[in-house]
Protein backbone atom coordinates (compact mmCIF):
# COMPACT_ATOMS: atom_id res chain seq x y z
CA UNK A 1 0.00 0.00 0.00
CA UNK A 2 1.12 3.52 -0.72
CA UNK A 3 1.27 6.46 1.66
CA UNK A 4 -1.07 6.34 4.63
CA UNK A 5 -3.39 3.68 3.14
CA UNK A 6 -4.06 0.74 5.46
CA UNK A 7 -4.60 -2.81 4.19
CA UNK A 8 -8.30 -3.61 3.99
CA UNK A 9 -10.32 -6.85 3.44
CA UNK A 10 -12.28 -5.55 0.43
CA UNK A 11 -12.05 -6.33 -3.26
CA UNK A 12 -10.44 -5.20 -5.44
CA UNK A 13 -7.35 -5.43 -3.27
CA UNK A 14 -5.74 -2.40 -4.90
CA UNK A 15 -8.71 -0.18 -3.98
CA UNK A 16 -7.48 2.94 -2.21
CA UNK A 17 -9.34 3.71 1.03
CA UNK A 18 -7.51 6.60 2.67
CA UNK A 19 -7.85 6.76 6.46
CA UNK A 20 -9.42 3.24 6.58
CA UNK A 21 -9.97 2.01 10.14
CA UNK A 22 -10.54 -1.74 10.67
CA UNK A 23 -13.64 -2.85 12.59
CA UNK A 24 -13.29 -3.22 16.36
CA UNK A 25 -16.21 -5.66 16.61
CA UNK A 26 -16.36 -9.12 15.09
CA UNK A 27 -19.11 -10.29 12.77
CA UNK A 28 -20.81 -12.34 15.51
CA UNK A 29 -20.89 -9.33 17.85
CA UNK A 30 -22.26 -7.03 15.14
CA UNK A 31 -24.96 -9.49 14.05
CA UNK A 32 -25.86 -10.32 17.65
CA UNK A 33 -26.28 -6.66 18.56
CA UNK A 34 -28.17 -5.90 15.34
CA UNK A 35 -30.61 -8.81 15.64
CA UNK A 36 -30.95 -8.32 19.40
CA UNK A 37 -31.96 -4.69 18.89
CA UNK A 38 -34.31 -5.68 16.08
CA UNK A 39 -35.89 -8.34 18.31
CA UNK A 40 -36.48 -5.80 21.09
CA UNK A 41 -38.23 -3.50 18.60
CA UNK A 42 -40.35 -6.33 17.19
CA UNK A 43 -41.38 -7.58 20.64
CA UNK A 44 -42.40 -4.01 21.50
CA UNK A 45 -44.42 -3.89 18.30
CA UNK A 46 -46.19 -7.15 19.22
CA UNK A 47 -47.13 -5.69 22.62
CA UNK A 48 -48.55 -2.59 20.93
CA UNK A 49 -50.47 -4.73 18.44
CA UNK A 50 -51.75 -6.91 21.28
CA UNK A 51 -53.45 -3.89 22.80
CA UNK A 52 -55.36 -3.24 19.57
CA UNK A 53 -58.74 -4.92 19.71
CA UNK A 54 -59.19 -5.11 15.93
CA UNK A 55 -55.95 -7.16 15.58
CA UNK A 56 -56.84 -9.83 18.16
CA UNK A 57 -56.72 -13.29 16.59
CA UNK A 58 -55.48 -12.00 13.22
CA UNK A 59 -52.02 -13.59 13.17
CA UNK A 60 -51.51 -13.17 9.39
CA UNK A 61 -52.22 -9.45 9.67
CA UNK A 62 -49.81 -9.14 12.62
CA UNK A 63 -47.10 -10.98 10.68
CA UNK A 64 -47.53 -8.66 7.70
CA UNK A 65 -47.29 -5.58 9.92
CA UNK A 66 -44.21 -7.04 11.62
CA UNK A 67 -42.54 -7.76 8.27
CA UNK A 68 -43.11 -4.23 6.97
CA UNK A 69 -42.02 -2.71 10.28
CA UNK A 70 -38.78 -4.75 10.22
CA UNK A 71 -38.06 -3.83 6.58
CA UNK A 72 -38.78 -0.18 7.35
CA UNK A 73 -36.35 -0.18 10.28
CA UNK A 74 -33.60 -1.73 8.19
CA UNK A 75 -34.15 0.67 5.29
CA UNK A 76 -34.41 3.79 7.42
CA UNK A 77 -31.60 3.06 9.85
CA UNK A 78 -28.93 1.11 7.96
CA UNK A 79 -29.53 2.38 4.45
CA UNK A 80 -30.26 5.88 5.72
CA UNK A 81 -26.98 5.91 7.62
CA UNK A 82 -25.16 4.73 4.50
CA UNK A 83 -26.84 7.37 2.33
CA UNK A 84 -25.83 10.18 4.67
CA UNK A 85 -22.33 9.02 5.69
CA UNK A 86 -21.13 6.95 2.69
CA UNK A 87 -18.05 9.12 2.20
CA UNK A 88 -16.77 8.78 5.76
CA UNK A 89 -17.74 5.19 6.64
CA UNK A 90 -14.25 3.70 5.99
CA UNK A 91 -12.69 6.01 8.59
CA UNK A 92 -15.40 5.66 11.26
CA UNK A 93 -15.71 3.00 13.92
CA UNK A 94 -19.28 3.53 15.10
CA UNK A 95 -21.66 0.58 15.32
CA UNK A 96 -23.58 1.54 12.19
CA UNK A 97 -20.38 2.23 10.23
CA UNK A 98 -19.09 -1.21 11.14
CA UNK A 99 -22.40 -2.78 10.04
CA UNK A 100 -22.21 -1.08 6.64
PDB file of N, CA and C in Angstrom:
ATOM      1  N   UNK A   1       0.828  -1.192   0.000  1.00  0.00           N
ATOM      2  CA  UNK A   1       0.000   0.000   0.000  1.00  0.00           C
ATOM      3  C   UNK A   1       0.868   1.249   0.000  1.00  0.00           C
ATOM      4  N   UNK A   2       0.379   2.266  -0.605  1.00  0.00           N
ATOM      5  CA  UNK A   2       1.117   3.519  -0.723  1.00  0.00           C
ATOM      6  C   UNK A   2       0.683   4.514   0.343  1.00  0.00           C
ATOM      7  N   UNK A   3       1.593   5.348   0.764  1.00  0.00           N
ATOM      8  CA  UNK A   3       1.268   6.456   1.659  1.00  0.00           C
ATOM      9  C   UNK A   3       0.660   5.992   2.974  1.00  0.00           C
ATOM     10  N   UNK A   4      -0.437   6.643   3.351  1.00  0.00           N
ATOM     11  CA  UNK A   4      -1.074   6.341   4.625  1.00  0.00           C
ATOM     12  C   UNK A   4      -2.219   5.332   4.481  1.00  0.00           C
ATOM     13  N   UNK A   5      -2.324   4.660   3.346  1.00  0.00           N
ATOM     14  CA  UNK A   5      -3.387   3.678   3.140  1.00  0.00           C
ATOM     15  C   UNK A   5      -3.118   2.436   3.984  1.00  0.00           C
ATOM     16  N   UNK A   6      -4.148   1.928   4.616  1.00  0.00           N
ATOM     17  CA  UNK A   6      -4.063   0.743   5.460  1.00  0.00           C
ATOM     18  C   UNK A   6      -4.641  -0.430   4.686  1.00  0.00           C
ATOM     19  N   UNK A   7      -4.065  -1.622   4.861  1.00  0.00           N
ATOM     20  CA  UNK A   7      -4.596  -2.810   4.187  1.00  0.00           C
ATOM     21  C   UNK A   7      -6.037  -3.044   4.637  1.00  0.00           C
ATOM     22  N   UNK A   8      -6.896  -3.391   3.691  1.00  0.00           N
ATOM     23  CA  UNK A   8      -8.304  -3.614   3.991  1.00  0.00           C
ATOM     24  C   UNK A   8      -8.734  -4.967   3.418  1.00  0.00           C
ATOM     25  N   UNK A   9      -9.870  -5.518   3.886  1.00  0.00           N
ATOM     26  CA  UNK A   9     -10.315  -6.845   3.438  1.00  0.00           C
ATOM     27  C   UNK A   9     -11.213  -6.815   2.202  1.00  0.00           C
ATOM     28  N   UNK A  10     -11.319  -5.702   1.515  1.00  0.00           N
ATOM     29  CA  UNK A  10     -12.278  -5.549   0.427  1.00  0.00           C
ATOM     30  C   UNK A  10     -11.639  -5.817  -0.933  1.00  0.00           C
ATOM     31  N   UNK A  11     -12.494  -6.135  -1.874  1.00  0.00           N
ATOM     32  CA  UNK A  11     -12.050  -6.329  -3.261  1.00  0.00           C
ATOM     33  C   UNK A  11     -12.507  -5.159  -4.099  1.00  0.00           C
ATOM     34  N   UNK A  12     -11.774  -4.738  -5.055  1.00  0.00           N
ATOM     35  CA  UNK A  12     -10.441  -5.200  -5.443  1.00  0.00           C
ATOM     36  C   UNK A  12      -9.402  -4.805  -4.405  1.00  0.00           C
ATOM     37  N   UNK A  13      -8.382  -5.622  -4.293  1.00  0.00           N
ATOM     38  CA  UNK A  13      -7.353  -5.426  -3.270  1.00  0.00           C
ATOM     39  C   UNK A  13      -6.590  -4.115  -3.448  1.00  0.00           C
ATOM     40  N   UNK A  14      -6.485  -3.634  -4.667  1.00  0.00           N
ATOM     41  CA  UNK A  14      -5.742  -2.395  -4.901  1.00  0.00           C
ATOM     42  C   UNK A  14      -6.608  -1.144  -4.746  1.00  0.00           C
ATOM     43  N   UNK A  15      -7.821  -1.310  -4.244  1.00  0.00           N
ATOM     44  CA  UNK A  15      -8.711  -0.179  -3.979  1.00  0.00           C
ATOM     45  C   UNK A  15      -8.084   0.710  -2.914  1.00  0.00           C
ATOM     46  N   UNK A  16      -8.066   1.988  -3.154  1.00  0.00           N
ATOM     47  CA  UNK A  16      -7.483   2.940  -2.210  1.00  0.00           C
ATOM     48  C   UNK A  16      -8.562   3.467  -1.269  1.00  0.00           C
ATOM     49  N   UNK A  17      -8.422   3.192   0.002  1.00  0.00           N
ATOM     50  CA  UNK A  17      -9.336   3.705   1.029  1.00  0.00           C
ATOM     51  C   UNK A  17      -8.506   4.519   2.018  1.00  0.00           C
ATOM     52  N   UNK A  18      -8.305   5.801   1.743  1.00  0.00           N
ATOM     53  CA  UNK A  18      -7.506   6.602   2.673  1.00  0.00           C
ATOM     54  C   UNK A  18      -8.185   6.695   4.036  1.00  0.00           C
ATOM     55  N   UNK A  19      -7.379   6.652   5.074  1.00  0.00           N
ATOM     56  CA  UNK A  19      -7.853   6.756   6.463  1.00  0.00           C
ATOM     57  C   UNK A  19      -8.730   5.585   6.882  1.00  0.00           C
ATOM     58  N   UNK A  20      -8.622   4.423   6.217  1.00  0.00           N
ATOM     59  CA  UNK A  20      -9.422   3.243   6.583  1.00  0.00           C
ATOM     60  C   UNK A  20      -9.086   2.802   7.999  1.00  0.00           C
ATOM     61  N   UNK A  21     -10.127   2.501   8.779  1.00  0.00           N
ATOM     62  CA  UNK A  21      -9.970   2.010  10.141  1.00  0.00           C
ATOM     63  C   UNK A  21     -10.647   0.643  10.207  1.00  0.00           C
ATOM     64  N   UNK A  22      -9.911  -0.422  10.585  1.00  0.00           N
ATOM     65  CA  UNK A  22     -10.541  -1.743  10.669  1.00  0.00           C
ATOM     66  C   UNK A  22     -11.604  -1.790  11.768  1.00  0.00           C
ATOM     67  N   UNK A  23     -12.577  -2.697  11.609  1.00  0.00           N
ATOM     68  CA  UNK A  23     -13.643  -2.846  12.595  1.00  0.00           C
ATOM     69  C   UNK A  23     -13.078  -3.299  13.937  1.00  0.00           C
ATOM     70  N   UNK A  24     -13.653  -2.783  15.012  1.00  0.00           N
ATOM     71  CA  UNK A  24     -13.289  -3.224  16.358  1.00  0.00           C
ATOM     72  C   UNK A  24     -14.092  -4.449  16.755  1.00  0.00           C
ATOM     73  N   UNK A  25     -15.319  -4.554  16.253  1.00  0.00           N
ATOM     74  CA  UNK A  25     -16.206  -5.658  16.607  1.00  0.00           C
ATOM     75  C   UNK A  25     -16.113  -6.746  15.564  1.00  0.00           C
ATOM     76  N   UNK A  26     -16.318  -7.992  16.004  1.00  0.00           N
ATOM     77  CA  UNK A  26     -16.363  -9.117  15.088  1.00  0.00           C
ATOM     78  C   UNK A  26     -17.752  -9.243  14.464  1.00  0.00           C
ATOM     79  N   UNK A  27     -17.850 -10.102  13.473  1.00  0.00           N
ATOM     80  CA  UNK A  27     -19.113 -10.293  12.772  1.00  0.00           C
ATOM     81  C   UNK A  27     -20.197 -10.823  13.717  1.00  0.00           C
ATOM     82  N   UNK A  28     -19.835 -11.763  14.582  1.00  0.00           N
ATOM     83  CA  UNK A  28     -20.814 -12.336  15.515  1.00  0.00           C
ATOM     84  C   UNK A  28     -21.341 -11.267  16.461  1.00  0.00           C
ATOM     85  N   UNK A  29     -20.461 -10.402  16.958  1.00  0.00           N
ATOM     86  CA  UNK A  29     -20.892  -9.326  17.855  1.00  0.00           C
ATOM     87  C   UNK A  29     -21.805  -8.340  17.137  1.00  0.00           C
ATOM     88  N   UNK A  30     -21.441  -7.970  15.904  1.00  0.00           N
ATOM     89  CA  UNK A  30     -22.261  -7.030  15.136  1.00  0.00           C
ATOM     90  C   UNK A  30     -23.636  -7.617  14.842  1.00  0.00           C
ATOM     91  N   UNK A  31     -23.673  -8.861  14.365  1.00  0.00           N
ATOM     92  CA  UNK A  31     -24.956  -9.491  14.050  1.00  0.00           C
ATOM     93  C   UNK A  31     -25.790  -9.718  15.310  1.00  0.00           C
ATOM     94  N   UNK A  32     -25.145 -10.114  16.396  1.00  0.00           N
ATOM     95  CA  UNK A  32     -25.863 -10.315  17.649  1.00  0.00           C
ATOM     96  C   UNK A  32     -26.503  -9.041  18.160  1.00  0.00           C
ATOM     97  N   UNK A  33     -25.752  -7.943  18.117  1.00  0.00           N
ATOM     98  CA  UNK A  33     -26.281  -6.658  18.561  1.00  0.00           C
ATOM     99  C   UNK A  33     -27.391  -6.175  17.630  1.00  0.00           C
ATOM    100  N   UNK A  34     -27.175  -6.330  16.320  1.00  0.00           N
ATOM    101  CA  UNK A  34     -28.175  -5.903  15.341  1.00  0.00           C
ATOM    102  C   UNK A  34     -29.485  -6.677  15.517  1.00  0.00           C
ATOM    103  N   UNK A  35     -29.391  -8.009  15.523  1.00  0.00           N
ATOM    104  CA  UNK A  35     -30.610  -8.813  15.640  1.00  0.00           C
ATOM    105  C   UNK A  35     -31.226  -8.727  17.032  1.00  0.00           C
ATOM    106  N   UNK A  36     -30.406  -8.523  18.062  1.00  0.00           N
ATOM    107  CA  UNK A  36     -30.945  -8.318  19.402  1.00  0.00           C
ATOM    108  C   UNK A  36     -31.761  -7.031  19.489  1.00  0.00           C
ATOM    109  N   UNK A  37     -31.229  -5.962  18.910  1.00  0.00           N
ATOM    110  CA  UNK A  37     -31.956  -4.688  18.892  1.00  0.00           C
ATOM    111  C   UNK A  37     -33.233  -4.799  18.069  1.00  0.00           C
ATOM    112  N   UNK A  38     -33.136  -5.481  16.931  1.00  0.00           N
ATOM    113  CA  UNK A  38     -34.313  -5.680  16.085  1.00  0.00           C
ATOM    114  C   UNK A  38     -35.375  -6.494  16.816  1.00  0.00           C
ATOM    115  N   UNK A  39     -34.952  -7.509  17.546  1.00  0.00           N
ATOM    116  CA  UNK A  39     -35.893  -8.340  18.307  1.00  0.00           C
ATOM    117  C   UNK A  39     -36.598  -7.522  19.380  1.00  0.00           C
ATOM    118  N   UNK A  40     -35.866  -6.661  20.072  1.00  0.00           N
ATOM    119  CA  UNK A  40     -36.481  -5.805  21.092  1.00  0.00           C
ATOM    120  C   UNK A  40     -37.555  -4.919  20.462  1.00  0.00           C
ATOM    121  N   UNK A  41     -37.249  -4.343  19.299  1.00  0.00           N
ATOM    122  CA  UNK A  41     -38.229  -3.495  18.598  1.00  0.00           C
ATOM    123  C   UNK A  41     -39.452  -4.300  18.170  1.00  0.00           C
ATOM    124  N   UNK A  42     -39.228  -5.501  17.661  1.00  0.00           N
ATOM    125  CA  UNK A  42     -40.351  -6.326  17.192  1.00  0.00           C
ATOM    126  C   UNK A  42     -41.211  -6.832  18.344  1.00  0.00           C
ATOM    127  N   UNK A  43     -40.602  -7.166  19.464  1.00  0.00           N
ATOM    128  CA  UNK A  43     -41.382  -7.576  20.639  1.00  0.00           C
ATOM    129  C   UNK A  43     -42.220  -6.400  21.129  1.00  0.00           C
ATOM    130  N   UNK A  44     -41.638  -5.210  21.135  1.00  0.00           N
ATOM    131  CA  UNK A  44     -42.400  -4.013  21.503  1.00  0.00           C
ATOM    132  C   UNK A  44     -43.571  -3.791  20.568  1.00  0.00           C
ATOM    133  N   UNK A  45     -43.343  -4.009  19.280  1.00  0.00           N
ATOM    134  CA  UNK A  45     -44.424  -3.887  18.302  1.00  0.00           C
ATOM    135  C   UNK A  45     -45.537  -4.884  18.586  1.00  0.00           C
ATOM    136  N   UNK A  46     -45.170  -6.128  18.933  1.00  0.00           N
ATOM    137  CA  UNK A  46     -46.188  -7.146  19.223  1.00  0.00           C
ATOM    138  C   UNK A  46     -47.015  -6.768  20.453  1.00  0.00           C
ATOM    139  N   UNK A  47     -46.367  -6.145  21.454  1.00  0.00           N
ATOM    140  CA  UNK A  47     -47.128  -5.685  22.623  1.00  0.00           C
ATOM    141  C   UNK A  47     -48.095  -4.578  22.240  1.00  0.00           C
ATOM    142  N   UNK A  48     -47.664  -3.670  21.384  1.00  0.00           N
ATOM    143  CA  UNK A  48     -48.546  -2.588  20.930  1.00  0.00           C
ATOM    144  C   UNK A  48     -49.705  -3.175  20.124  1.00  0.00           C
ATOM    145  N   UNK A  49     -49.396  -4.117  19.237  1.00  0.00           N
ATOM    146  CA  UNK A  49     -50.465  -4.729  18.439  1.00  0.00           C
ATOM    147  C   UNK A  49     -51.415  -5.548  19.298  1.00  0.00           C
ATOM    148  N   UNK A  50     -50.898  -6.132  20.389  1.00  0.00           N
ATOM    149  CA  UNK A  50     -51.747  -6.906  21.283  1.00  0.00           C
ATOM    150  C   UNK A  50     -52.786  -6.058  21.992  1.00  0.00           C
ATOM    151  N   UNK A  51     -52.493  -4.776  22.136  1.00  0.00           N
ATOM    152  CA  UNK A  51     -53.447  -3.887  22.802  1.00  0.00           C
ATOM    153  C   UNK A  51     -54.512  -3.362  21.841  1.00  0.00           C
ATOM    154  N   UNK A  52     -54.384  -3.669  20.582  1.00  0.00           N
ATOM    155  CA  UNK A  52     -55.362  -3.237  19.571  1.00  0.00           C
ATOM    156  C   UNK A  52     -56.425  -4.303  19.402  1.00  0.00           C
ATOM    157  N   UNK A  53     -57.639  -3.965  19.725  1.00  0.00           N
ATOM    158  CA  UNK A  53     -58.741  -4.919  19.709  1.00  0.00           C
ATOM    159  C   UNK A  53     -59.002  -5.478  18.315  1.00  0.00           C
ATOM    160  N   UNK A  54     -58.881  -4.651  17.284  1.00  0.00           N
ATOM    161  CA  UNK A  54     -59.187  -5.107  15.929  1.00  0.00           C
ATOM    162  C   UNK A  54     -58.135  -6.063  15.363  1.00  0.00           C
ATOM    163  N   UNK A  55     -56.975  -6.230  16.047  1.00  0.00           N
ATOM    164  CA  UNK A  55     -55.949  -7.163  15.585  1.00  0.00           C
ATOM    165  C   UNK A  55     -55.955  -8.485  16.347  1.00  0.00           C
ATOM    166  N   UNK A  56     -56.786  -8.606  17.372  1.00  0.00           N
ATOM    167  CA  UNK A  56     -56.842  -9.834  18.162  1.00  0.00           C
ATOM    168  C   UNK A  56     -57.233 -11.017  17.285  1.00  0.00           C
ATOM    169  N   UNK A  57     -56.428 -12.073  17.328  1.00  0.00           N
ATOM    170  CA  UNK A  57     -56.719 -13.293  16.587  1.00  0.00           C
ATOM    171  C   UNK A  57     -56.385 -13.223  15.106  1.00  0.00           C
ATOM    172  N   UNK A  58     -55.815 -12.155  14.649  1.00  0.00           N
ATOM    173  CA  UNK A  58     -55.481 -12.004  13.222  1.00  0.00           C
ATOM    174  C   UNK A  58     -53.965 -12.119  13.060  1.00  0.00           C
ATOM    175  N   UNK A  59     -53.464 -13.347  13.172  1.00  0.00           N
ATOM    176  CA  UNK A  59     -52.024 -13.592  13.165  1.00  0.00           C
ATOM    177  C   UNK A  59     -51.395 -13.216  11.827  1.00  0.00           C
ATOM    178  N   UNK A  60     -52.067 -13.495  10.710  1.00  0.00           N
ATOM    179  CA  UNK A  60     -51.507 -13.167   9.394  1.00  0.00           C
ATOM    180  C   UNK A  60     -51.346 -11.654   9.255  1.00  0.00           C
ATOM    181  N   UNK A  61     -52.300 -10.912   9.726  1.00  0.00           N
ATOM    182  CA  UNK A  61     -52.223  -9.449   9.674  1.00  0.00           C
ATOM    183  C   UNK A  61     -51.065  -8.947  10.543  1.00  0.00           C
ATOM    184  N   UNK A  62     -50.910  -9.531  11.727  1.00  0.00           N
ATOM    185  CA  UNK A  62     -49.814  -9.141  12.616  1.00  0.00           C
ATOM    186  C   UNK A  62     -48.458  -9.469  11.995  1.00  0.00           C
ATOM    187  N   UNK A  63     -48.358 -10.612  11.328  1.00  0.00           N
ATOM    188  CA  UNK A  63     -47.100 -10.981  10.684  1.00  0.00           C
ATOM    189  C   UNK A  63     -46.761 -10.028   9.539  1.00  0.00           C
ATOM    190  N   UNK A  64     -47.764  -9.616   8.784  1.00  0.00           N
ATOM    191  CA  UNK A  64     -47.528  -8.656   7.700  1.00  0.00           C
ATOM    192  C   UNK A  64     -47.054  -7.314   8.255  1.00  0.00           C
ATOM    193  N   UNK A  65     -47.693  -6.847   9.297  1.00  0.00           N
ATOM    194  CA  UNK A  65     -47.291  -5.584   9.919  1.00  0.00           C
ATOM    195  C   UNK A  65     -45.865  -5.691  10.447  1.00  0.00           C
ATOM    196  N   UNK A  66     -45.547  -6.823  11.087  1.00  0.00           N
ATOM    197  CA  UNK A  66     -44.207  -7.039  11.621  1.00  0.00           C
ATOM    198  C   UNK A  66     -43.167  -7.042  10.509  1.00  0.00           C
ATOM    199  N   UNK A  67     -43.468  -7.712   9.394  1.00  0.00           N
ATOM    200  CA  UNK A  67     -42.541  -7.759   8.266  1.00  0.00           C
ATOM    201  C   UNK A  67     -42.257  -6.355   7.715  1.00  0.00           C
ATOM    202  N   UNK A  68     -43.303  -5.574   7.505  1.00  0.00           N
ATOM    203  CA  UNK A  68     -43.105  -4.230   6.969  1.00  0.00           C
ATOM    204  C   UNK A  68     -42.405  -3.318   7.977  1.00  0.00           C
ATOM    205  N   UNK A  69     -42.696  -3.486   9.244  1.00  0.00           N
ATOM    206  CA  UNK A  69     -42.018  -2.710  10.280  1.00  0.00           C
ATOM    207  C   UNK A  69     -40.527  -3.033  10.293  1.00  0.00           C
ATOM    208  N   UNK A  70     -40.182  -4.325  10.220  1.00  0.00           N
ATOM    209  CA  UNK A  70     -38.785  -4.751  10.220  1.00  0.00           C
ATOM    210  C   UNK A  70     -38.055  -4.213   8.983  1.00  0.00           C
ATOM    211  N   UNK A  71     -38.676  -4.336   7.817  1.00  0.00           N
ATOM    212  CA  UNK A  71     -38.061  -3.827   6.584  1.00  0.00           C
ATOM    213  C   UNK A  71     -37.883  -2.315   6.660  1.00  0.00           C
ATOM    214  N   UNK A  72     -38.871  -1.623   7.203  1.00  0.00           N
ATOM    215  CA  UNK A  72     -38.777  -0.176   7.348  1.00  0.00           C
ATOM    216  C   UNK A  72     -37.635   0.235   8.261  1.00  0.00           C
ATOM    217  N   UNK A  73     -37.466  -0.488   9.380  1.00  0.00           N
ATOM    218  CA  UNK A  73     -36.355  -0.177  10.279  1.00  0.00           C
ATOM    219  C   UNK A  73     -35.015  -0.353   9.583  1.00  0.00           C
ATOM    220  N   UNK A  74     -34.865  -1.463   8.872  1.00  0.00           N
ATOM    221  CA  UNK A  74     -33.597  -1.726   8.189  1.00  0.00           C
ATOM    222  C   UNK A  74     -33.328  -0.656   7.136  1.00  0.00           C
ATOM    223  N   UNK A  75     -34.340  -0.338   6.340  1.00  0.00           N
ATOM    224  CA  UNK A  75     -34.155   0.666   5.293  1.00  0.00           C
ATOM    225  C   UNK A  75     -33.860   2.041   5.871  1.00  0.00           C
ATOM    226  N   UNK A  76     -34.605   2.454   6.863  1.00  0.00           N
ATOM    227  CA  UNK A  76     -34.409   3.791   7.420  1.00  0.00           C
ATOM    228  C   UNK A  76     -33.099   3.926   8.185  1.00  0.00           C
ATOM    229  N   UNK A  77     -32.779   2.930   8.992  1.00  0.00           N
ATOM    230  CA  UNK A  77     -31.604   3.063   9.850  1.00  0.00           C
ATOM    231  C   UNK A  77     -30.315   2.730   9.103  1.00  0.00           C
ATOM    232  N   UNK A  78     -30.195   1.497   8.606  1.00  0.00           N
ATOM    233  CA  UNK A  78     -28.934   1.107   7.955  1.00  0.00           C
ATOM    234  C   UNK A  78     -28.713   1.814   6.623  1.00  0.00           C
ATOM    235  N   UNK A  79     -29.708   1.761   5.759  1.00  0.00           N
ATOM    236  CA  UNK A  79     -29.534   2.384   4.454  1.00  0.00           C
ATOM    237  C   UNK A  79     -29.540   3.906   4.552  1.00  0.00           C
ATOM    238  N   UNK A  80     -30.293   4.435   5.496  1.00  0.00           N
ATOM    239  CA  UNK A  80     -30.265   5.881   5.719  1.00  0.00           C
ATOM    240  C   UNK A  80     -28.911   6.346   6.214  1.00  0.00           C
ATOM    241  N   UNK A  81     -28.323   5.590   7.128  1.00  0.00           N
ATOM    242  CA  UNK A  81     -26.978   5.914   7.617  1.00  0.00           C
ATOM    243  C   UNK A  81     -25.984   5.879   6.469  1.00  0.00           C
ATOM    244  N   UNK A  82     -26.067   4.840   5.637  1.00  0.00           N
ATOM    245  CA  UNK A  82     -25.160   4.730   4.499  1.00  0.00           C
ATOM    246  C   UNK A  82     -25.341   5.903   3.530  1.00  0.00           C
ATOM    247  N   UNK A  83     -26.577   6.275   3.267  1.00  0.00           N
ATOM    248  CA  UNK A  83     -26.839   7.366   2.328  1.00  0.00           C
ATOM    249  C   UNK A  83     -26.256   8.686   2.822  1.00  0.00           C
ATOM    250  N   UNK A  84     -26.313   8.915   4.118  1.00  0.00           N
ATOM    251  CA  UNK A  84     -25.825  10.184   4.668  1.00  0.00           C
ATOM    252  C   UNK A  84     -24.304  10.176   4.844  1.00  0.00           C
ATOM    253  N   UNK A  85     -23.738   9.058   5.313  1.00  0.00           N
ATOM    254  CA  UNK A  85     -22.325   9.018   5.692  1.00  0.00           C
ATOM    255  C   UNK A  85     -21.463   8.157   4.780  1.00  0.00           C
ATOM    256  N   UNK A  86     -21.867   7.878   3.556  1.00  0.00           N
ATOM    257  CA  UNK A  86     -21.130   6.955   2.695  1.00  0.00           C
ATOM    258  C   UNK A  86     -19.692   7.391   2.417  1.00  0.00           C
ATOM    259  N   UNK A  87     -19.417   8.651   2.469  1.00  0.00           N
ATOM    260  CA  UNK A  87     -18.055   9.120   2.197  1.00  0.00           C
ATOM    261  C   UNK A  87     -17.108   8.914   3.374  1.00  0.00           C
ATOM    262  N   UNK A  88     -17.635   8.863   4.578  1.00  0.00           N
ATOM    263  CA  UNK A  88     -16.766   8.781   5.758  1.00  0.00           C
ATOM    264  C   UNK A  88     -16.821   7.429   6.468  1.00  0.00           C
ATOM    265  N   UNK A  89     -17.606   6.492   5.978  1.00  0.00           N
ATOM    266  CA  UNK A  89     -17.739   5.190   6.645  1.00  0.00           C
ATOM    267  C   UNK A  89     -16.405   4.469   6.817  1.00  0.00           C
ATOM    268  N   UNK A  90     -15.508   4.432   5.801  1.00  0.00           N
ATOM    269  CA  UNK A  90     -14.249   3.701   5.993  1.00  0.00           C
ATOM    270  C   UNK A  90     -13.388   4.210   7.145  1.00  0.00           C
ATOM    271  N   UNK A  91     -13.526   5.469   7.524  1.00  0.00           N
ATOM    272  CA  UNK A  91     -12.690   6.013   8.589  1.00  0.00           C
ATOM    273  C   UNK A  91     -13.404   6.087   9.935  1.00  0.00           C
ATOM    274  N   UNK A  92     -14.646   5.633  10.003  1.00  0.00           N
ATOM    275  CA  UNK A  92     -15.397   5.658  11.259  1.00  0.00           C
ATOM    276  C   UNK A  92     -15.410   4.281  11.912  1.00  0.00           C
ATOM    277  N   UNK A  93     -15.645   4.266  13.196  1.00  0.00           N
ATOM    278  CA  UNK A  93     -15.715   3.005  13.924  1.00  0.00           C
ATOM    279  C   UNK A  93     -16.958   2.931  14.789  1.00  0.00           C
ATOM    280  N   UNK A  94     -18.019   3.615  14.385  1.00  0.00           N
ATOM    281  CA  UNK A  94     -19.283   3.529  15.103  1.00  0.00           C
ATOM    282  C   UNK A  94     -19.962   2.207  14.768  1.00  0.00           C
ATOM    283  N   UNK A  95     -20.953   1.831  15.559  1.00  0.00           N
ATOM    284  CA  UNK A  95     -21.661   0.576  15.325  1.00  0.00           C
ATOM    285  C   UNK A  95     -22.242   0.506  13.927  1.00  0.00           C
ATOM    286  N   UNK A  96     -22.950   1.555  13.507  1.00  0.00           N
ATOM    287  CA  UNK A  96     -23.575   1.538  12.192  1.00  0.00           C
ATOM    288  C   UNK A  96     -22.544   1.549  11.068  1.00  0.00           C
ATOM    289  N   UNK A  97     -21.436   2.241  11.248  1.00  0.00           N
ATOM    290  CA  UNK A  97     -20.382   2.232  10.229  1.00  0.00           C
ATOM    291  C   UNK A  97     -19.782   0.837  10.096  1.00  0.00           C
ATOM    292  N   UNK A  98     -19.633   0.137  11.198  1.00  0.00           N
ATOM    293  CA  UNK A  98     -19.095  -1.214  11.142  1.00  0.00           C
ATOM    294  C   UNK A  98     -20.088  -2.183  10.512  1.00  0.00           C
ATOM    295  N   UNK A  99     -21.382  -1.927  10.672  1.00  0.00           N
ATOM    296  CA  UNK A  99     -22.396  -2.779  10.040  1.00  0.00           C
ATOM    297  C   UNK A  99     -22.427  -2.580   8.537  1.00  0.00           C
ATOM    298  N   UNK A 100     -22.184  -1.354   8.097  1.00  0.00           N
ATOM    299  CA  UNK A 100     -22.208  -1.077   6.644  1.00  0.00           C
ATOM    300  C   UNK A 100     -20.994  -1.664   6.012  1.00  0.00           C
TER     301      UNK A 100
END
